[in-house]
Amino acid sequence: MKKSERLNHMIMYLNDLDYFNLSDLMNKYNISKSTALRDISSLEELGMPIYAEQGRYGRYVILKNRLLSPIIFTIDEVYALYFAMLTLKSYQSTPFHLSIDKLNEKFENCLSVEQIKEINKMKTVLEFESSKHNNISQFLDKILESIINEVSCKIEYFKNSKHVDYHIQFFKISSKFGQWYANGIELNSNKYKVFRCDKITSLQFTNDRLEFPIEKVINSSLEFYQSDKSIKFEVEISDNAADIFYKEHYPSMKIELGKNTIIKGVYNIGEEDFISNYFLRYGTYVKSVKPQSLKHIIYKKIKNILNHYEEI
């Protein structure tokens, strides 16, 4: 057994003990006394809280306030996990019942004074850009629970200044551009829908048997999204505008790179405003738009914006 493997195994073994003798390690791992002593020193360097009790019946004691998880990571992995945790501060809501400040406090209690100093230095030079999530999404945990337990939900959703009821089978939660979104199948119509989670005003689980296995829904969500009346679109953009697509796009879209750069997809009747607003952000990078009806909607929006700026 390599030393690194042996040390990892020792961590797992010792984590369940309150104390141990040198002979315990020598017998369990078939190593010499000098190797066992070197291994104990290595475990201490990794952060395992071990101290030696002197005397006739001397032994090694493991402190009660130990935490296994950070010990089995390299120090670079610990730093990476720490900064990943800090990104949660930009979320007003999460699907988890936690306090970010309390989580941060627990994490730092597992680090040495020198490691905390090192992290504080990194904070001054490392910056993670993320969209601030200011809106409260009060049912994120329930949505996640419904997906994991494969149950459907009856929700009340605030849309166009009024409350609308839906019977939904959720299958995905995503976070983008300062908002939480939940993807689901509306079971009365079998239509794919995306909900802004902060606009869900009530949620109740149902006892209904799910019509669609979760795996099937995830793999076939675009098929559910399309209907017989779906409208196909093709928008050619400049090659250097592909980054806009990669930063933000939707499940009903895909990009084709080749001689021309083309965004293809579908939208349903009633989503013209949504899809036209999306392509407005490409500005003069748009080279052609199909169908002509979509081009006309975008053109009208641009004229309205121009008229507005002429009036102010």
C-alpha atoms as a PDB file:
ATOM      1  CA  MET A   1       0.000   0.000   0.000  1.00  0.00           C
ATOM      2  CA  LYS A   2       1.371   3.426  -0.961  1.00  0.00           C
ATOM      3  CA  LYS A   3       1.871   5.976   1.803  1.00  0.00           C
ATOM      4  CA  SER A   4      -0.864   8.270   0.467  1.00  0.00           C
ATOM      5  CA  GLU A   5      -3.338   5.363   0.379  1.00  0.00           C
ATOM      6  CA  ARG A   6      -2.299   4.284   3.863  1.00  0.00           C
ATOM      7  CA  LEU A   7      -2.756   7.787   5.267  1.00  0.00           C
ATOM      8  CA  ASN A   8      -6.220   8.123   3.742  1.00  0.00           C
ATOM      9  CA  HIS A   9      -7.197   4.773   5.199  1.00  0.00           C
ATOM     10  CA  MET A  10      -5.769   5.774   8.600  1.00  0.00           C
ATOM     11  CA  ILE A  11      -7.900   8.925   8.592  1.00  0.00           C
ATOM     12  CA  MET A  12     -11.038   6.875   8.044  1.00  0.00           C
ATOM     13  CA  TYR A  13      -9.958   4.329  10.650  1.00  0.00           C
ATOM     14  CA  LEU A  14      -8.926   6.825  13.343  1.00  0.00           C
ATOM     15  CA  ASN A  15     -11.915   9.103  12.833  1.00  0.00           C
ATOM     16  CA  ASP A  16     -14.092   6.547  14.659  1.00  0.00           C
ATOM     17  CA  LEU A  17     -11.706   6.295  17.619  1.00  0.00           C
ATOM     18  CA  ASP A  18     -11.170   8.487  20.672  1.00  0.00           C
ATOM     19  CA  TYR A  19      -7.624   7.277  21.212  1.00  0.00           C
ATOM     20  CA  PHE A  20      -5.103   4.722  19.893  1.00  0.00           C
ATOM     21  CA  ASN A  21      -1.692   3.260  20.645  1.00  0.00           C
ATOM     22  CA  LEU A  22       1.310   3.136  18.348  1.00  0.00           C
ATOM     23  CA  SER A  23       1.019  -0.647  18.269  1.00  0.00           C
ATOM     24  CA  ASP A  24      -2.520  -0.346  16.851  1.00  0.00           C
ATOM     25  CA  LEU A  25      -1.149   1.233  13.673  1.00  0.00           C
ATOM     26  CA  MET A  26       1.875  -1.085  13.522  1.00  0.00           C
ATOM     27  CA  ASN A  27      -0.323  -4.201  13.681  1.00  0.00           C
ATOM     28  CA  LYS A  28      -3.144  -2.973  11.437  1.00  0.00           C
ATOM     29  CA  TYR A  29      -0.886  -1.749   8.629  1.00  0.00           C
ATOM     30  CA  ASN A  30       2.091  -4.061   9.196  1.00  0.00           C
ATOM     31  CA  ILE A  31       4.543  -1.183   9.523  1.00  0.00           C
ATOM     32  CA  SER A  32       7.524  -0.497  11.748  1.00  0.00           C
ATOM     33  CA  LYS A  33       7.525   1.796  14.788  1.00  0.00           C
ATOM     34  CA  SER A  34       9.505   4.493  12.934  1.00  0.00           C
ATOM     35  CA  THR A  35       7.078   4.366   9.965  1.00  0.00           C
ATOM     36  CA  ALA A  36       4.092   4.626  12.328  1.00  0.00           C
ATOM     37  CA  LEU A  37       5.644   7.698  14.000  1.00  0.00           C
ATOM     38  CA  ARG A  38       6.266   9.333  10.609  1.00  0.00           C
ATOM     39  CA  ASP A  39       2.666   8.586   9.587  1.00  0.00           C
ATOM     40  CA  ILE A  40       1.331  10.225  12.754  1.00  0.00           C
ATOM     41  CA  SER A  41       3.397  13.326  11.992  1.00  0.00           C
ATOM     42  CA  SER A  42       1.993  13.360   8.444  1.00  0.00           C
ATOM     43  CA  LEU A  43      -1.571  13.098   9.788  1.00  0.00           C
ATOM     44  CA  GLU A  44      -0.927  16.065  12.084  1.00  0.00           C
ATOM     45  CA  GLU A  45       0.387  18.085   9.135  1.00  0.00           C
ATOM     46  CA  LEU A  46      -2.813  17.260   7.246  1.00  0.00           C
ATOM     47  CA  GLY A  47      -4.775  18.784  10.113  1.00  0.00           C
ATOM     48  CA  MET A  48      -5.897  15.753  12.106  1.00  0.00           C
ATOM     49  CA  PRO A  49      -6.130  16.889  15.771  1.00  0.00           C
ATOM     50  CA  ILE A  50      -3.904  14.315  17.493  1.00  0.00           C
ATOM     51  CA  TYR A  51      -1.970  14.836  20.722  1.00  0.00           C
ATOM     52  CA  ALA A  52       0.179  12.472  22.748  1.00  0.00           C
ATOM     53  CA  GLU A  53      -0.517  11.593  26.385  1.00  0.00           C
ATOM     54  CA  GLN A  54       2.691  10.939  28.282  1.00  0.00           C
ATOM     55  CA  GLY A  55       3.215   8.367  31.051  1.00  0.00           C
ATOM     56  CA  ARG A  56       3.420   4.658  31.607  1.00  0.00           C
ATOM     57  CA  TYR A  57       0.265   4.035  29.598  1.00  0.00           C
ATOM     58  CA  GLY A  58       0.940   6.757  27.071  1.00  0.00           C
ATOM     59  CA  ARG A  59      -1.321   6.888  24.060  1.00  0.00           C
ATOM     60  CA  TYR A  60      -2.484   9.183  21.291  1.00  0.00           C
ATOM     61  CA  VAL A  61      -5.780  11.033  21.765  1.00  0.00           C
ATOM     62  CA  ILE A  62      -7.967  12.448  18.977  1.00  0.00           C
ATOM     63  CA  LEU A  63      -9.814  15.665  19.822  1.00  0.00           C
ATOM     64  CA  LYS A  64     -13.595  15.471  19.876  1.00  0.00           C
ATOM     65  CA  ASN A  65     -14.209  18.555  17.687  1.00  0.00           C
ATOM     66  CA  ARG A  66     -12.615  16.987  14.638  1.00  0.00           C
ATOM     67  CA  LEU A  67     -14.231  17.047  11.186  1.00  0.00           C
ATOM     68  CA  LEU A  68     -13.261  14.352   8.734  1.00  0.00           C
ATOM     69  CA  SER A  69     -14.141  15.975   5.413  1.00  0.00           C
ATOM     70  CA  PRO A  70     -11.488  18.733   5.086  1.00  0.00           C
ATOM     71  CA  ILE A  71      -8.742  16.366   6.240  1.00  0.00           C
ATOM     72  CA  ILE A  72      -9.003  14.046   3.244  1.00  0.00           C
ATOM     73  CA  PHE A  73      -8.750  16.943   0.763  1.00  0.00           C
ATOM     74  CA  THR A  74      -5.525  18.556  -0.358  1.00  0.00           C
ATOM     75  CA  ILE A  75      -5.060  22.132   0.816  1.00  0.00           C
ATOM     76  CA  ASP A  76      -5.727  23.445  -2.713  1.00  0.00           C
ATOM     77  CA  GLU A  77      -8.997  21.489  -2.737  1.00  0.00           C
ATOM     78  CA  VAL A  78      -9.924  22.968   0.642  1.00  0.00           C
ATOM     79  CA  TYR A  79      -9.314  26.492  -0.710  1.00  0.00           C
ATOM     80  CA  ALA A  80     -11.360  25.740  -3.837  1.00  0.00           C
ATOM     81  CA  LEU A  81     -14.280  24.439  -1.733  1.00  0.00           C
ATOM     82  CA  TYR A  82     -14.064  27.476   0.539  1.00  0.00           C
ATOM     83  CA  PHE A  83     -14.340  29.979  -2.314  1.00  0.00           C
ATOM     84  CA  ALA A  84     -17.063  27.932  -3.989  1.00  0.00           C
ATOM     85  CA  MET A  85     -18.998  28.163  -0.742  1.00  0.00           C
ATOM     86  CA  LEU A  86     -18.587  31.950  -0.669  1.00  0.00           C
ATOM     87  CA  THR A  87     -20.391  32.269  -4.014  1.00  0.00           C
ATOM     88  CA  LEU A  88     -23.577  31.238  -2.168  1.00  0.00           C
ATOM     89  CA  LYS A  89     -23.556  34.694  -0.566  1.00  0.00           C
ATOM     90  CA  SER A  90     -24.945  36.145  -3.790  1.00  0.00           C
ATOM     91  CA  TYR A  91     -28.145  34.095  -3.366  1.00  0.00           C
ATOM     92  CA  GLN A  92     -31.057  35.502  -1.416  1.00  0.00           C
ATOM     93  CA  SER A  93     -32.615  32.009  -1.560  1.00  0.00           C
ATOM     94  CA  THR A  94     -31.181  28.498  -1.966  1.00  0.00           C
ATOM     95  CA  PRO A  95     -32.809  25.027  -2.075  1.00  0.00           C
ATOM     96  CA  PHE A  96     -31.016  24.223   1.191  1.00  0.00           C
ATOM     97  CA  HIS A  97     -31.813  25.122   4.791  1.00  0.00           C
ATOM     98  CA  LEU A  98     -28.591  26.828   5.764  1.00  0.00           C
ATOM     99  CA  SER A  99     -27.012  30.015   7.007  1.00  0.00           C
ATOM    100  CA  ILE A 100     -24.066  31.030   4.842  1.00  0.00           C
ATOM    101  CA  ASP A 101     -22.432  32.862   7.750  1.00  0.00           C
ATOM    102  CA  LYS A 102     -22.810  29.799   9.987  1.00  0.00           C
ATOM    103  CA  LEU A 103     -21.439  27.546   7.245  1.00  0.00           C
ATOM    104  CA  ASN A 104     -18.484  29.891   6.809  1.00  0.00           C
ATOM    105  CA  GLU A 105     -17.854  29.838  10.561  1.00  0.00           C
ATOM    106  CA  LYS A 106     -17.925  26.022  10.671  1.00  0.00           C
ATOM    107  CA  PHE A 107     -15.573  25.779   7.712  1.00  0.00           C
ATOM    108  CA  GLU A 108     -13.039  28.180   9.216  1.00  0.00           C
ATOM    109  CA  ASN A 109     -13.111  26.257  12.508  1.00  0.00           C
ATOM    110  CA  CYS A 110     -11.636  23.320  10.587  1.00  0.00           C
ATOM    111  CA  LEU A 111      -8.678  25.364   9.325  1.00  0.00           C
ATOM    112  CA  SER A 112      -5.497  26.406  11.037  1.00  0.00           C
ATOM    113  CA  VAL A 113      -4.674  30.056  11.810  1.00  0.00           C
ATOM    114  CA  GLU A 114      -2.116  30.044   8.985  1.00  0.00           C
ATOM    115  CA  GLN A 115      -4.620  28.645   6.507  1.00  0.00           C
ATOM    116  CA  ILE A 116      -7.170  31.320   7.426  1.00  0.00           C
ATOM    117  CA  LYS A 117      -4.485  33.997   6.938  1.00  0.00           C
ATOM    118  CA  GLU A 118      -3.738  32.523   3.510  1.00  0.00           C
ATOM    119  CA  ILE A 119      -7.431  32.585   2.589  1.00  0.00           C
ATOM    120  CA  ASN A 120      -7.770  36.205   3.715  1.00  0.00           C
ATOM    121  CA  LYS A 121      -4.874  37.126   1.418  1.00  0.00           C
ATOM    122  CA  MET A 122      -6.591  35.336  -1.470  1.00  0.00           C
ATOM    123  CA  LYS A 123      -9.829  37.242  -0.816  1.00  0.00           C
ATOM    124  CA  THR A 124      -8.075  40.511  -1.614  1.00  0.00           C
ATOM    125  CA  VAL A 125      -6.948  39.359  -5.077  1.00  0.00           C
ATOM    126  CA  LEU A 126      -9.599  36.803  -6.114  1.00  0.00           C
ATOM    127  CA  GLU A 127     -12.952  38.041  -7.358  1.00  0.00           C
ATOM    128  CA  PHE A 128     -15.826  35.855  -8.506  1.00  0.00           C
ATOM    129  CA  GLU A 129     -18.413  37.650 -10.583  1.00  0.00           C
ATOM    130  CA  SER A 130     -21.965  36.430 -10.109  1.00  0.00           C
ATOM    131  CA  SER A 131     -25.413  37.901 -10.582  1.00  0.00           C
ATOM    132  CA  LYS A 132     -26.931  39.047  -7.316  1.00  0.00           C
ATOM    133  CA  HIS A 133     -30.097  37.106  -6.488  1.00  0.00           C
ATOM    134  CA  ASN A 134     -32.276  39.664  -4.721  1.00  0.00           C
ATOM    135  CA  ASN A 135     -35.696  38.046  -5.185  1.00  0.00           C
ATOM    136  CA  ILE A 136     -36.843  35.542  -2.580  1.00  0.00           C
ATOM    137  CA  SER A 137     -37.874  32.135  -3.948  1.00  0.00           C
ATOM    138  CA  GLN A 138     -39.634  30.592  -0.974  1.00  0.00           C
ATOM    139  CA  PHE A 139     -40.381  27.154  -2.464  1.00  0.00           C
ATOM    140  CA  LEU A 140     -36.974  26.103  -3.846  1.00  0.00           C
ATOM    141  CA  ASP A 141     -36.591  23.369  -1.244  1.00  0.00           C
ATOM    142  CA  LYS A 142     -40.095  22.037  -1.980  1.00  0.00           C
ATOM    143  CA  ILE A 143     -39.452  22.009  -5.732  1.00  0.00           C
ATOM    144  CA  LEU A 144     -36.212  20.097  -5.201  1.00  0.00           C
ATOM    145  CA  GLU A 145     -37.986  17.678  -2.852  1.00  0.00           C
ATOM    146  CA  SER A 146     -40.723  17.052  -5.437  1.00  0.00           C
ATOM    147  CA  ILE A 147     -38.113  16.206  -8.090  1.00  0.00           C
ATOM    148  CA  ILE A 148     -36.143  13.866  -5.831  1.00  0.00           C
ATOM    149  CA  ASN A 149     -39.280  12.102  -4.544  1.00  0.00           C
ATOM    150  CA  GLU A 150     -40.877  12.162  -8.014  1.00  0.00           C
ATOM    151  CA  VAL A 151     -44.175  13.745  -7.001  1.00  0.00           C
ATOM    152  CA  SER A 152     -46.146  16.394  -8.864  1.00  0.00           C
ATOM    153  CA  CYS A 153     -47.216  19.761  -7.452  1.00  0.00           C
ATOM    154  CA  LYS A 154     -50.147  22.113  -7.657  1.00  0.00           C
ATOM    155  CA  ILE A 155     -48.849  25.659  -7.716  1.00  0.00           C
ATOM    156  CA  GLU A 156     -50.179  29.178  -7.845  1.00  0.00           C
ATOM    157  CA  TYR A 157     -48.129  31.412 -10.135  1.00  0.00           C
ATOM    158  CA  PHE A 158     -48.186  35.199 -10.455  1.00  0.00           C
ATOM    159  CA  LYS A 159     -48.340  35.945 -14.180  1.00  0.00           C
ATOM    160  CA  ASN A 160     -49.410  39.100 -16.013  1.00  0.00           C
ATOM    161  CA  SER A 161     -50.622  40.708 -12.780  1.00  0.00           C
ATOM    162  CA  LYS A 162     -52.851  37.794 -11.816  1.00  0.00           C
ATOM    163  CA  HIS A 163     -52.575  34.401 -10.116  1.00  0.00           C
ATOM    164  CA  VAL A 164     -52.752  31.309 -12.322  1.00  0.00           C
ATOM    165  CA  ASP A 165     -53.060  27.680 -11.151  1.00  0.00           C
ATOM    166  CA  TYR A 166     -50.913  24.892 -12.653  1.00  0.00           C
ATOM    167  CA  HIS A 167     -50.496  21.159 -12.072  1.00  0.00           C
ATOM    168  CA  ILE A 168     -46.755  20.603 -12.631  1.00  0.00           C
ATOM    169  CA  GLN A 169     -44.220  17.823 -12.706  1.00  0.00           C
ATOM    170  CA  PHE A 170     -40.937  19.618 -12.041  1.00  0.00           C
ATOM    171  CA  PHE A 171     -37.719  18.030 -13.282  1.00  0.00           C
ATOM    172  CA  LYS A 172     -35.015  20.701 -13.136  1.00  0.00           C
ATOM    173  CA  ILE A 173     -33.959  23.783 -11.148  1.00  0.00           C
ATOM    174  CA  SER A 174     -31.472  26.250 -12.593  1.00  0.00           C
ATOM    175  CA  SER A 175     -29.933  29.546 -11.572  1.00  0.00           C
ATOM    176  CA  LYS A 176     -29.027  32.203 -14.095  1.00  0.00           C
ATOM    177  CA  PHE A 177     -28.871  35.970 -14.447  1.00  0.00           C
ATOM    178  CA  GLY A 178     -29.928  36.727 -10.898  1.00  0.00           C
ATOM    179  CA  GLN A 179     -32.983  34.433 -10.896  1.00  0.00           C
ATOM    180  CA  TRP A 180     -33.985  30.881 -10.006  1.00  0.00           C
ATOM    181  CA  TYR A 181     -35.948  28.958 -12.656  1.00  0.00           C
ATOM    182  CA  ALA A 182     -37.813  25.646 -12.465  1.00  0.00           C
ATOM    183  CA  ASN A 183     -38.517  23.530 -15.540  1.00  0.00           C
ATOM    184  CA  GLY A 184     -41.570  21.315 -15.578  1.00  0.00           C
ATOM    185  CA  ILE A 185     -44.332  19.627 -17.546  1.00  0.00           C
ATOM    186  CA  GLU A 186     -47.815  21.118 -17.160  1.00  0.00           C
ATOM    187  CA  LEU A 187     -49.792  17.912 -16.703  1.00  0.00           C
ATOM    188  CA  ASN A 188     -53.165  19.164 -17.930  1.00  0.00           C
ATOM    189  CA  SER A 189     -51.722  20.014 -21.357  1.00  0.00           C
ATOM    190  CA  ASN A 190     -48.426  18.011 -21.334  1.00  0.00           C
ATOM    191  CA  LYS A 191     -46.612  21.219 -22.247  1.00  0.00           C
ATOM    192  CA  TYR A 192     -43.075  22.135 -21.230  1.00  0.00           C
ATOM    193  CA  LYS A 193     -42.911  25.298 -19.106  1.00  0.00           C
ATOM    194  CA  VAL A 194     -40.251  27.337 -17.337  1.00  0.00           C
ATOM    195  CA  PHE A 195     -41.253  29.159 -14.146  1.00  0.00           C
ATOM    196  CA  ARG A 196     -39.495  31.997 -12.360  1.00  0.00           C
ATOM    197  CA  CYS A 197     -39.345  30.586  -8.853  1.00  0.00           C
ATOM    198  CA  ASP A 198     -39.879  33.887  -7.037  1.00  0.00           C
ATOM    199  CA  LYS A 199     -43.285  34.187  -8.768  1.00  0.00           C
ATOM    200  CA  ILE A 200     -44.565  30.903  -7.332  1.00  0.00           C
ATOM    201  CA  THR A 201     -46.861  32.032  -4.503  1.00  0.00           C
ATOM    202  CA  SER A 202     -48.060  28.646  -3.214  1.00  0.00           C
ATOM    203  CA  LEU A 203     -47.107  24.993  -3.672  1.00  0.00           C
ATOM    204  CA  GLN A 204     -48.752  21.758  -2.582  1.00  0.00           C
ATOM    205  CA  PHE A 205     -47.561  18.203  -3.209  1.00  0.00           C
ATOM    206  CA  THR A 206     -50.053  15.785  -4.767  1.00  0.00           C
ATOM    207  CA  ASN A 207     -50.402  12.037  -4.411  1.00  0.00           C
ATOM    208  CA  ASP A 208     -50.843  11.547  -8.136  1.00  0.00           C
ATOM    209  CA  ARG A 209     -48.778   8.902  -9.877  1.00  0.00           C
ATOM    210  CA  LEU A 210     -46.273  10.572 -12.203  1.00  0.00           C
ATOM    211  CA  GLU A 211     -47.089  10.217 -15.875  1.00  0.00           C
ATOM    212  CA  PHE A 212     -43.491  10.642 -17.024  1.00  0.00           C
ATOM    213  CA  PRO A 213     -40.354   9.100 -15.451  1.00  0.00           C
ATOM    214  CA  ILE A 214     -37.928  11.866 -14.460  1.00  0.00           C
ATOM    215  CA  GLU A 215     -35.118  10.533 -16.684  1.00  0.00           C
ATOM    216  CA  LYS A 216     -37.402  10.483 -19.715  1.00  0.00           C
ATOM    217  CA  VAL A 217     -38.558  14.048 -19.086  1.00  0.00           C
ATOM    218  CA  ILE A 218     -35.002  15.348 -18.698  1.00  0.00           C
ATOM    219  CA  ASN A 219     -33.848  13.657 -21.906  1.00  0.00           C
ATOM    220  CA  SER A 220     -36.941  14.639 -23.890  1.00  0.00           C
ATOM    221  CA  SER A 221     -37.766  18.084 -22.504  1.00  0.00           C
ATOM    222  CA  LEU A 222     -37.426  19.770 -25.909  1.00  0.00           C
ATOM    223  CA  GLU A 223     -39.931  17.300 -27.399  1.00  0.00           C
ATOM    224  CA  PHE A 224     -42.435  18.305 -24.723  1.00  0.00           C
ATOM    225  CA  TYR A 225     -41.729  21.964 -25.398  1.00  0.00           C
ATOM    226  CA  GLN A 226     -42.664  21.704 -29.064  1.00  0.00           C
ATOM    227  CA  SER A 227     -46.284  21.502 -30.132  1.00  0.00           C
ATOM    228  CA  ASP A 228     -48.014  21.130 -33.485  1.00  0.00           C
ATOM    229  CA  LYS A 229     -48.274  24.922 -33.588  1.00  0.00           C
ATOM    230  CA  SER A 230     -44.647  25.635 -32.636  1.00  0.00           C
ATOM    231  CA  ILE A 231     -42.916  28.166 -34.891  1.00  0.00           C
ATOM    232  CA  LYS A 232     -39.386  27.385 -36.084  1.00  0.00           C
ATOM    233  CA  PHE A 233     -36.832  30.185 -36.302  1.00  0.00           C
ATOM    234  CA  GLU A 234     -33.352  30.662 -37.747  1.00  0.00           C
ATOM    235  CA  VAL A 235     -31.334  33.729 -36.865  1.00  0.00           C
ATOM    236  CA  GLU A 236     -27.909  34.177 -38.449  1.00  0.00           C
ATOM    237  CA  ILE A 237     -25.451  36.151 -36.353  1.00  0.00           C
ATOM    238  CA  SER A 238     -21.863  37.342 -36.753  1.00  0.00           C
ATOM    239  CA  ASP A 239     -19.246  34.802 -35.708  1.00  0.00           C
ATOM    240  CA  ASN A 240     -18.010  37.030 -32.881  1.00  0.00           C
ATOM    241  CA  ALA A 241     -21.517  37.146 -31.354  1.00  0.00           C
ATOM    242  CA  ALA A 242     -21.493  33.442 -30.447  1.00  0.00           C
ATOM    243  CA  ASP A 243     -20.326  34.408 -26.948  1.00  0.00           C
ATOM    244  CA  ILE A 244     -23.676  36.115 -26.346  1.00  0.00           C
ATOM    245  CA  PHE A 245     -25.396  32.792 -27.037  1.00  0.00           C
ATOM    246  CA  TYR A 246     -23.076  30.862 -24.718  1.00  0.00           C
ATOM    247  CA  LYS A 247     -23.668  33.357 -21.900  1.00  0.00           C
ATOM    248  CA  GLU A 248     -27.445  33.095 -22.178  1.00  0.00           C
ATOM    249  CA  HIS A 249     -29.711  30.848 -24.170  1.00  0.00           C
ATOM    250  CA  TYR A 250     -32.719  28.627 -23.569  1.00  0.00           C
ATOM    251  CA  PRO A 251     -33.538  24.909 -23.976  1.00  0.00           C
ATOM    252  CA  SER A 252     -35.528  25.588 -27.147  1.00  0.00           C
ATOM    253  CA  MET A 253     -32.399  26.914 -28.912  1.00  0.00           C
ATOM    254  CA  LYS A 254     -29.187  25.545 -30.354  1.00  0.00           C
ATOM    255  CA  ILE A 255     -26.299  27.137 -32.217  1.00  0.00           C
ATOM    256  CA  GLU A 256     -24.720  25.793 -35.399  1.00  0.00           C
ATOM    257  CA  LEU A 257     -21.160  26.812 -36.198  1.00  0.00           C
ATOM    258  CA  GLY A 258     -19.765  26.459 -39.694  1.00  0.00           C
ATOM    259  CA  LYS A 259     -19.626  28.634 -42.759  1.00  0.00           C
ATOM    260  CA  ASN A 260     -22.367  30.672 -41.072  1.00  0.00           C
ATOM    261  CA  THR A 261     -23.239  31.008 -37.376  1.00  0.00           C
ATOM    262  CA  ILE A 262     -26.950  30.297 -36.964  1.00  0.00           C
ATOM    263  CA  ILE A 263     -29.195  30.061 -33.904  1.00  0.00           C
ATOM    264  CA  LYS A 264     -32.047  27.628 -34.507  1.00  0.00           C
ATOM    265  CA  GLY A 265     -35.022  26.707 -32.390  1.00  0.00           C
ATOM    266  CA  VAL A 266     -38.746  26.958 -31.847  1.00  0.00           C
ATOM    267  CA  TYR A 267     -41.175  29.130 -29.932  1.00  0.00           C
ATOM    268  CA  ASN A 268     -44.841  28.637 -29.180  1.00  0.00           C
ATOM    269  CA  ILE A 269     -47.693  31.013 -29.938  1.00  0.00           C
ATOM    270  CA  GLY A 270     -47.792  33.620 -27.196  1.00  0.00           C
ATOM    271  CA  GLU A 271     -43.994  33.651 -26.733  1.00  0.00           C
ATOM    272  CA  GLU A 272     -43.282  36.143 -29.539  1.00  0.00           C
ATOM    273  CA  ASP A 273     -42.547  38.936 -27.070  1.00  0.00           C
ATOM    274  CA  PHE A 274     -40.126  36.773 -25.116  1.00  0.00           C
ATOM    275  CA  ILE A 275     -38.193  35.502 -28.150  1.00  0.00           C
ATOM    276  CA  SER A 276     -37.992  38.924 -29.822  1.00  0.00           C
ATOM    277  CA  ASN A 277     -36.653  40.501 -26.614  1.00  0.00           C
ATOM    278  CA  TYR A 278     -33.980  37.817 -26.538  1.00  0.00           C
ATOM    279  CA  PHE A 279     -32.697  38.647 -30.030  1.00  0.00           C
ATOM    280  CA  LEU A 280     -32.729  42.398 -29.369  1.00  0.00           C
ATOM    281  CA  ARG A 281     -29.619  41.923 -27.244  1.00  0.00           C
ATOM    282  CA  TYR A 282     -27.650  40.847 -30.347  1.00  0.00           C
ATOM    283  CA  GLY A 283     -28.046  44.344 -31.839  1.00  0.00           C
ATOM    284  CA  THR A 284     -26.273  44.788 -35.172  1.00  0.00           C
ATOM    285  CA  TYR A 285     -24.690  41.333 -34.907  1.00  0.00           C
ATOM    286  CA  VAL A 286     -27.884  39.893 -36.443  1.00  0.00           C
ATOM    287  CA  LYS A 287     -27.454  39.199 -40.171  1.00  0.00           C
ATOM    288  CA  SER A 288     -30.802  37.579 -41.059  1.00  0.00           C
ATOM    289  CA  VAL A 289     -34.034  36.497 -39.346  1.00  0.00           C
ATOM    290  CA  LYS A 290     -36.515  33.790 -40.283  1.00  0.00           C
ATOM    291  CA  PRO A 291     -39.499  33.720 -40.239  1.00  0.00           C
ATOM    292  CA  GLN A 292     -40.391  37.173 -41.522  1.00  0.00           C
ATOM    293  CA  SER A 293     -43.030  37.523 -38.776  1.00  0.00           C
ATOM    294  CA  LEU A 294     -40.326  37.355 -36.087  1.00  0.00           C
ATOM    295  CA  LYS A 295     -38.225  39.914 -37.950  1.00  0.00           C
ATOM    296  CA  HIS A 296     -41.250  42.227 -38.083  1.00  0.00           C
ATOM    297  CA  ILE A 297     -41.819  41.956 -34.306  1.00  0.00           C
ATOM    298  CA  ILE A 298     -38.145  42.755 -33.596  1.00  0.00           C
ATOM    299  CA  TYR A 299     -38.298  45.683 -36.054  1.00  0.00           C
ATOM    300  CA  LYS A 300     -41.374  47.128 -34.303  1.00  0.00           C
ATOM    301  CA  LYS A 301     -39.644  46.906 -30.917  1.00  0.00           C
ATOM    302  CA  ILE A 302     -36.592  48.738 -32.277  1.00  0.00           C
ATOM    303  CA  LYS A 303     -38.832  51.469 -33.746  1.00  0.00           C
ATOM    304  CA  ASN A 304     -40.613  51.866 -30.398  1.00  0.00           C
ATOM    305  CA  ILE A 305     -37.261  52.231 -28.634  1.00  0.00           C
ATOM    306  CA  LEU A 306     -36.114  54.785 -31.229  1.00  0.00           C
ATOM    307  CA  ASN A 307     -39.360  56.767 -30.858  1.00  0.00           C
ATOM    308  CA  HIS A 308     -38.959  56.720 -27.104  1.00  0.00           C
ATOM    309  CA  TYR A 309     -35.454  58.198 -27.275  1.00  0.00           C
ATOM    310  CA  GLU A 310     -36.606  60.845 -29.742  1.00  0.00           C
ATOM    311  CA  GLU A 311     -39.300  61.932 -27.309  1.00  0.00           C
ATOM    312  CA  ILE A 312     -37.198  62.154 -24.154  1.00  0.00           C
END
